[in-house]
Amino acid sequence: MPNPSLPAEAEIVERIQESESIYTLRLRMTDQAAHAAYAFVPGQFNMVYLQGIGEVPISIVSDPDDDSLLDHTIRAVGRVTRGLEQLRAGQRVGIRGPFGRGWPLDQACGHDVVLITGGLGCAPLVSVINYVVRRRERFGRLVILQGVKHTDDLIWHDRYMAWAKLPDTQVLLAADIAGQGWPYHVGLVTELIDRAQFDRDNAIAMMCGPERMMQACAEALLARDMAAGNLWLSMERNMHCGVGHCGHCQLGPHFVCKDGPVFNYTELAPLLGVRGF
């Protein structure tokens, strides 16, 4: 079993500029045996290490059955992610992982799947979208709700348009601030929930994005009589070690890096919106 404290060397096979500040690194471990043995589930993350600078937790957005490359979509917001942004194909980084609890995809089989994301929260859930699309016969209706602050923040527009054309799939987009020619909803992503078409008695919802957004969405879904046990959230915290030792990501009794980042709503409801948590 690999030592979770030691980064494995990985080569950048491809770098994709998704938007002005968002990019995707497609990685392959230089140790072929380690790469072949690597396994993850959507929702888990790697610690991506830039030598001499540090490491950051980044969600894995590729499909778990795609054994060729590990994709990580990153927003350049800090010294490590800005350093990673400068790298090009052929250069190398370190990765530790996968860490944490992923999305409950086994539980979602046979159910309508409602995915709600805000901002770059779409990245952890893109792996779920890809997973469901590639195994379409296992799931019911697929509903995707994506909200961004400004229309310029929307990445993967072409992918959303392609997903919207799939059978039994609904895609709804929203922007708080609309640029010229924006044809979709102007306002909060929570305002799209009433337009979403799914069986509330046989649906599971997965959310990722700002906590206030997820809390508001959870309350809106509960108001539609969805069961609290069918609501799942992916939390972001300042994760350092990835194994629950350093305590930087503690959320009440939970370590987000180890117990999450995906939690059932019932586990977090008492903590959401509480100052200090």
Protein backbone atom coordinates (compact mmCIF):
# COMPACT_ATOMS: atom_id res chain seq x y z
CA MET A 1 0.00 0.00 0.00
CA PRO A 2 1.52 3.43 -0.96
CA ASN A 3 2.65 5.67 1.89
CA PRO A 4 0.04 8.50 2.03
CA SER A 5 2.74 10.89 3.27
CA LEU A 6 4.95 10.50 0.20
CA PRO A 7 4.06 12.18 -3.12
CA ALA A 8 4.33 10.04 -6.23
CA GLU A 9 5.94 11.70 -9.24
CA ALA A 10 3.52 12.47 -12.08
CA GLU A 11 4.15 13.93 -15.52
CA ILE A 12 1.92 16.60 -17.02
CA VAL A 13 0.78 14.96 -20.26
CA GLU A 14 -1.51 17.82 -21.28
CA ARG A 15 -2.43 21.25 -19.96
CA ILE A 16 -5.80 22.78 -20.95
CA GLN A 17 -6.63 26.45 -20.33
CA GLU A 18 -10.35 26.32 -19.43
CA SER A 19 -10.78 30.06 -18.78
CA GLU A 20 -8.61 33.06 -17.89
CA SER A 21 -7.90 31.72 -14.38
CA ILE A 22 -8.88 28.04 -14.60
CA TYR A 23 -6.81 25.27 -16.13
CA THR A 24 -6.76 21.47 -16.21
CA LEU A 25 -3.65 19.36 -15.68
CA ARG A 26 -3.83 15.86 -17.15
CA LEU A 27 -1.35 13.70 -15.20
CA ARG A 28 0.22 10.28 -15.48
CA MET A 29 2.41 8.78 -12.76
CA THR A 30 5.93 8.09 -13.96
CA ASP A 31 5.86 4.72 -12.17
CA GLN A 32 3.70 2.67 -14.54
CA ALA A 33 2.90 0.03 -11.92
CA ALA A 34 1.80 2.69 -9.41
CA HIS A 35 -0.36 4.36 -12.06
CA ALA A 36 -1.98 1.05 -13.03
CA ALA A 37 -2.72 0.28 -9.37
CA TYR A 38 -4.18 3.73 -8.62
CA ALA A 39 -7.95 3.68 -8.02
CA PHE A 40 -10.41 6.36 -6.90
CA VAL A 41 -14.11 7.18 -6.82
CA PRO A 42 -15.65 10.49 -8.02
CA GLY A 43 -15.58 13.07 -5.26
CA GLN A 44 -12.18 12.08 -3.86
CA PHE A 45 -9.16 14.35 -4.18
CA ASN A 46 -5.39 14.31 -4.52
CA MET A 47 -2.84 16.52 -2.80
CA VAL A 48 -0.93 18.01 -5.75
CA TYR A 49 2.63 18.99 -4.83
CA LEU A 50 4.76 21.64 -6.53
CA GLN A 51 8.35 21.17 -5.49
CA GLY A 52 9.73 24.05 -3.46
CA ILE A 53 6.33 25.70 -3.05
CA GLY A 54 3.86 23.33 -1.38
CA GLU A 55 0.78 21.25 -2.10
CA VAL A 56 -2.97 21.79 -2.44
CA PRO A 57 -6.03 19.51 -2.42
CA ILE A 58 -7.53 19.16 -5.90
CA SER A 59 -10.54 17.07 -6.95
CA ILE A 60 -10.02 14.34 -9.51
CA VAL A 61 -12.38 15.02 -12.42
CA SER A 62 -11.59 12.12 -14.73
CA ASP A 63 -13.59 8.88 -14.87
CA PRO A 64 -12.45 6.13 -12.46
CA ASP A 65 -12.44 3.59 -15.28
CA ASP A 66 -10.20 5.78 -17.44
CA ASP A 67 -6.80 4.36 -16.54
CA SER A 68 -4.82 6.57 -18.91
CA LEU A 69 -4.77 10.01 -17.25
CA LEU A 70 -5.78 11.71 -13.98
CA ASP A 71 -7.41 15.09 -14.64
CA HIS A 72 -7.34 17.95 -12.10
CA THR A 73 -9.13 21.24 -12.83
CA ILE A 74 -7.62 24.13 -10.85
CA ARG A 75 -8.38 27.80 -10.24
CA ALA A 76 -5.26 29.96 -9.84
CA VAL A 77 -5.92 31.71 -6.52
CA GLY A 78 -2.86 31.08 -4.30
CA ARG A 79 0.90 30.66 -4.52
CA VAL A 80 0.75 26.90 -5.19
CA THR A 81 -2.02 27.02 -7.78
CA ARG A 82 -0.40 30.04 -9.47
CA GLY A 83 2.87 28.11 -9.54
CA LEU A 84 1.18 25.05 -11.01
CA GLU A 85 -0.39 27.35 -13.60
CA GLN A 86 3.06 28.09 -15.02
CA LEU A 87 3.85 24.43 -15.72
CA ARG A 88 3.59 22.91 -19.18
CA ALA A 89 3.37 19.43 -20.70
CA GLY A 90 6.41 17.33 -19.89
CA GLN A 91 7.05 18.94 -16.49
CA ARG A 92 6.43 17.03 -13.30
CA VAL A 93 4.55 17.39 -10.02
CA GLY A 94 3.89 15.14 -7.03
CA ILE A 95 0.54 13.65 -6.09
CA ARG A 96 -0.64 12.00 -2.86
CA GLY A 97 -3.97 10.27 -2.67
CA PRO A 98 -6.70 9.59 -3.34
CA PHE A 99 -8.13 10.92 -0.09
CA GLY A 100 -11.53 11.25 1.49
CA ARG A 101 -15.04 9.93 0.93
CA GLY A 102 -16.50 10.27 -2.55
CA TRP A 103 -20.03 10.63 -3.87
CA PRO A 104 -22.59 7.87 -3.04
CA LEU A 105 -22.91 6.59 -6.60
CA ASP A 106 -23.91 3.06 -5.59
CA GLN A 107 -26.77 4.51 -3.55
CA ALA A 108 -27.75 6.68 -6.53
CA CYS A 109 -28.27 3.71 -8.86
CA GLY A 110 -31.92 3.49 -9.90
CA HIS A 111 -32.64 7.05 -8.73
CA ASP A 112 -33.00 10.39 -10.47
CA VAL A 113 -29.74 12.26 -9.96
CA VAL A 114 -29.90 16.01 -9.25
CA LEU A 115 -26.56 17.84 -9.37
CA ILE A 116 -26.32 21.44 -8.15
CA THR A 117 -23.08 23.38 -8.41
CA GLY A 118 -21.86 26.91 -7.92
CA GLY A 119 -18.71 28.48 -9.33
CA LEU A 120 -15.87 26.02 -9.77
CA GLY A 121 -17.94 23.62 -7.68
CA CYS A 122 -18.76 22.10 -11.04
CA ALA A 123 -15.34 20.41 -11.12
CA PRO A 124 -15.98 17.77 -8.41
CA LEU A 125 -19.39 17.05 -9.90
CA VAL A 126 -18.19 16.81 -13.50
CA SER A 127 -16.73 13.45 -12.54
CA VAL A 128 -20.24 12.43 -11.43
CA ILE A 129 -21.79 13.67 -14.68
CA ASN A 130 -19.25 11.71 -16.71
CA TYR A 131 -19.80 8.67 -14.52
CA VAL A 132 -23.60 8.75 -14.97
CA VAL A 133 -23.40 9.47 -18.72
CA ARG A 134 -21.07 6.52 -19.30
CA ARG A 135 -23.37 4.23 -17.31
CA ARG A 136 -26.69 5.79 -18.30
CA GLU A 137 -28.72 2.58 -17.95
CA ARG A 138 -28.04 2.42 -14.20
CA PHE A 139 -29.64 5.77 -13.32
CA GLY A 140 -32.92 7.61 -13.72
CA ARG A 141 -33.26 11.19 -14.90
CA LEU A 142 -30.14 13.38 -14.80
CA VAL A 143 -30.70 17.01 -13.78
CA ILE A 144 -27.77 19.46 -13.80
CA LEU A 145 -28.07 22.94 -12.24
CA GLN A 146 -25.02 25.19 -12.54
CA GLY A 147 -24.72 28.71 -11.18
CA VAL A 148 -21.89 31.18 -11.66
CA LYS A 149 -21.34 34.71 -10.39
CA HIS A 150 -20.65 36.12 -13.86
CA THR A 151 -21.21 34.55 -17.25
CA ASP A 152 -17.45 34.78 -17.90
CA ASP A 153 -16.96 32.30 -15.03
CA LEU A 154 -18.78 29.50 -16.88
CA ILE A 155 -16.37 26.89 -18.15
CA TRP A 156 -17.21 23.81 -20.22
CA HIS A 157 -20.12 25.55 -21.96
CA ASP A 158 -19.85 23.12 -24.87
CA ARG A 159 -20.03 20.17 -22.50
CA TYR A 160 -23.20 21.53 -20.88
CA MET A 161 -24.77 21.93 -24.31
CA ALA A 162 -23.81 18.36 -25.22
CA TRP A 163 -25.19 16.98 -21.94
CA ALA A 164 -28.46 18.89 -22.48
CA LYS A 165 -29.05 16.88 -25.68
CA LEU A 166 -28.81 13.51 -23.92
CA PRO A 167 -32.01 11.53 -23.22
CA ASP A 168 -33.67 12.07 -19.83
CA THR A 169 -31.29 14.90 -19.07
CA GLN A 170 -32.06 18.50 -18.10
CA VAL A 171 -29.45 21.25 -17.88
CA LEU A 172 -30.25 24.62 -16.29
CA LEU A 173 -27.70 27.43 -16.09
CA ALA A 174 -27.76 30.67 -14.09
CA ALA A 175 -25.52 33.70 -13.64
CA ASP A 176 -25.80 36.38 -10.97
CA ILE A 177 -24.45 38.92 -13.45
CA ALA A 178 -25.24 38.35 -17.12
CA GLY A 179 -22.98 39.37 -19.95
CA GLN A 180 -24.22 40.35 -23.37
CA GLY A 181 -26.11 37.55 -25.13
CA TRP A 182 -26.51 35.32 -22.04
CA PRO A 183 -29.64 33.27 -22.89
CA TYR A 184 -30.12 31.51 -19.58
CA HIS A 185 -31.43 32.48 -16.13
CA VAL A 186 -30.16 35.64 -14.47
CA GLY A 187 -30.11 35.19 -10.71
CA LEU A 188 -29.22 32.54 -8.14
CA VAL A 189 -28.94 28.85 -8.90
CA THR A 190 -31.41 28.18 -6.08
CA GLU A 191 -34.06 29.89 -8.24
CA LEU A 192 -33.69 27.08 -10.80
CA ILE A 193 -34.82 24.35 -8.42
CA ASP A 194 -38.52 24.99 -9.11
CA ARG A 195 -37.83 24.41 -12.84
CA ALA A 196 -36.01 21.14 -12.28
CA GLN A 197 -37.97 18.07 -13.34
CA PHE A 198 -37.35 14.98 -11.23
CA ASP A 199 -39.15 12.50 -9.00
CA ARG A 200 -38.67 13.88 -5.49
CA ASP A 201 -39.59 10.49 -3.99
CA ASN A 202 -36.91 8.71 -5.99
CA ALA A 203 -34.14 11.26 -6.32
CA ILE A 204 -30.75 11.88 -4.78
CA ALA A 205 -29.18 15.34 -4.85
CA MET A 206 -25.47 16.13 -4.81
CA MET A 207 -24.23 19.68 -4.27
CA CYS A 208 -20.89 21.43 -4.45
CA GLY A 209 -20.00 25.11 -4.17
CA PRO A 210 -20.19 27.89 -1.59
CA GLU A 211 -21.67 26.69 1.70
CA ARG A 212 -24.41 29.32 1.79
CA MET A 213 -25.48 28.20 -1.69
CA MET A 214 -25.55 24.54 -0.68
CA GLN A 215 -27.47 25.32 2.51
CA ALA A 216 -30.06 27.34 0.56
CA CYS A 217 -30.39 24.57 -2.04
CA ALA A 218 -30.77 21.90 0.65
CA GLU A 219 -33.51 23.91 2.34
CA ALA A 220 -35.28 24.38 -1.03
CA LEU A 221 -35.12 20.64 -1.73
CA LEU A 222 -36.39 19.82 1.76
CA ALA A 223 -39.26 22.22 1.12
CA ARG A 224 -40.06 20.04 -1.91
CA ASP A 225 -40.30 17.09 0.49
CA MET A 226 -37.06 15.43 -0.50
CA ALA A 227 -35.67 13.25 2.27
CA ALA A 228 -32.72 14.76 4.14
CA GLY A 229 -30.89 11.45 3.82
CA ASN A 230 -30.89 11.85 0.03
CA LEU A 231 -29.02 15.17 0.11
CA TRP A 232 -25.21 15.14 -0.17
CA LEU A 233 -22.74 18.02 0.01
CA SER A 234 -19.04 18.34 -0.80
CA MET A 235 -17.29 20.65 1.66
CA GLU A 236 -14.19 22.78 1.18
CA ARG A 237 -11.78 23.47 4.02
CA ASN A 238 -8.10 24.27 4.44
CA MET A 239 -6.86 20.70 4.02
CA HIS A 240 -3.16 20.07 4.60
CA CYS A 241 -2.28 16.50 5.54
CA GLY A 242 -5.15 14.63 3.87
CA VAL A 243 -5.31 11.99 6.60
CA GLY A 244 -6.96 13.75 9.56
CA HIS A 245 -3.79 14.42 11.57
CA CYS A 246 -3.13 18.17 11.33
CA GLY A 247 -6.66 19.35 12.19
CA HIS A 248 -6.68 22.28 9.75
CA CYS A 249 -9.87 21.05 8.08
CA GLN A 250 -11.83 20.18 11.22
CA LEU A 251 -15.56 20.87 10.97
CA GLY A 252 -17.13 20.18 14.35
CA PRO A 253 -16.43 16.49 15.05
CA HIS A 254 -15.49 15.83 11.42
CA PHE A 255 -12.21 16.00 9.51
CA VAL A 256 -13.18 17.11 6.01
CA CYS A 257 -10.11 15.49 4.43
CA LYS A 258 -10.80 12.08 5.96
CA ASP A 259 -14.51 11.93 6.84
CA GLY A 260 -15.51 13.97 3.76
CA PRO A 261 -15.22 15.95 1.63
CA VAL A 262 -18.62 14.45 0.74
CA PHE A 263 -21.08 14.40 3.64
CA ASN A 264 -24.72 13.53 4.00
CA TYR A 265 -26.84 16.56 4.87
CA THR A 266 -27.93 14.94 8.14
CA GLU A 267 -24.31 14.89 9.32
CA LEU A 268 -23.79 18.61 8.72
CA ALA A 269 -27.19 20.22 9.24
CA PRO A 270 -26.45 21.31 12.85
CA LEU A 271 -23.21 23.02 11.70
CA LEU A 272 -24.29 24.77 8.50
CA GLY A 273 -24.55 28.52 8.88
CA VAL A 274 -23.13 28.47 12.40
CA ARG A 275 -20.40 31.09 12.90
CA GLY A 276 -17.09 29.48 13.80
CA PHE A 277 -17.64 26.26 11.89
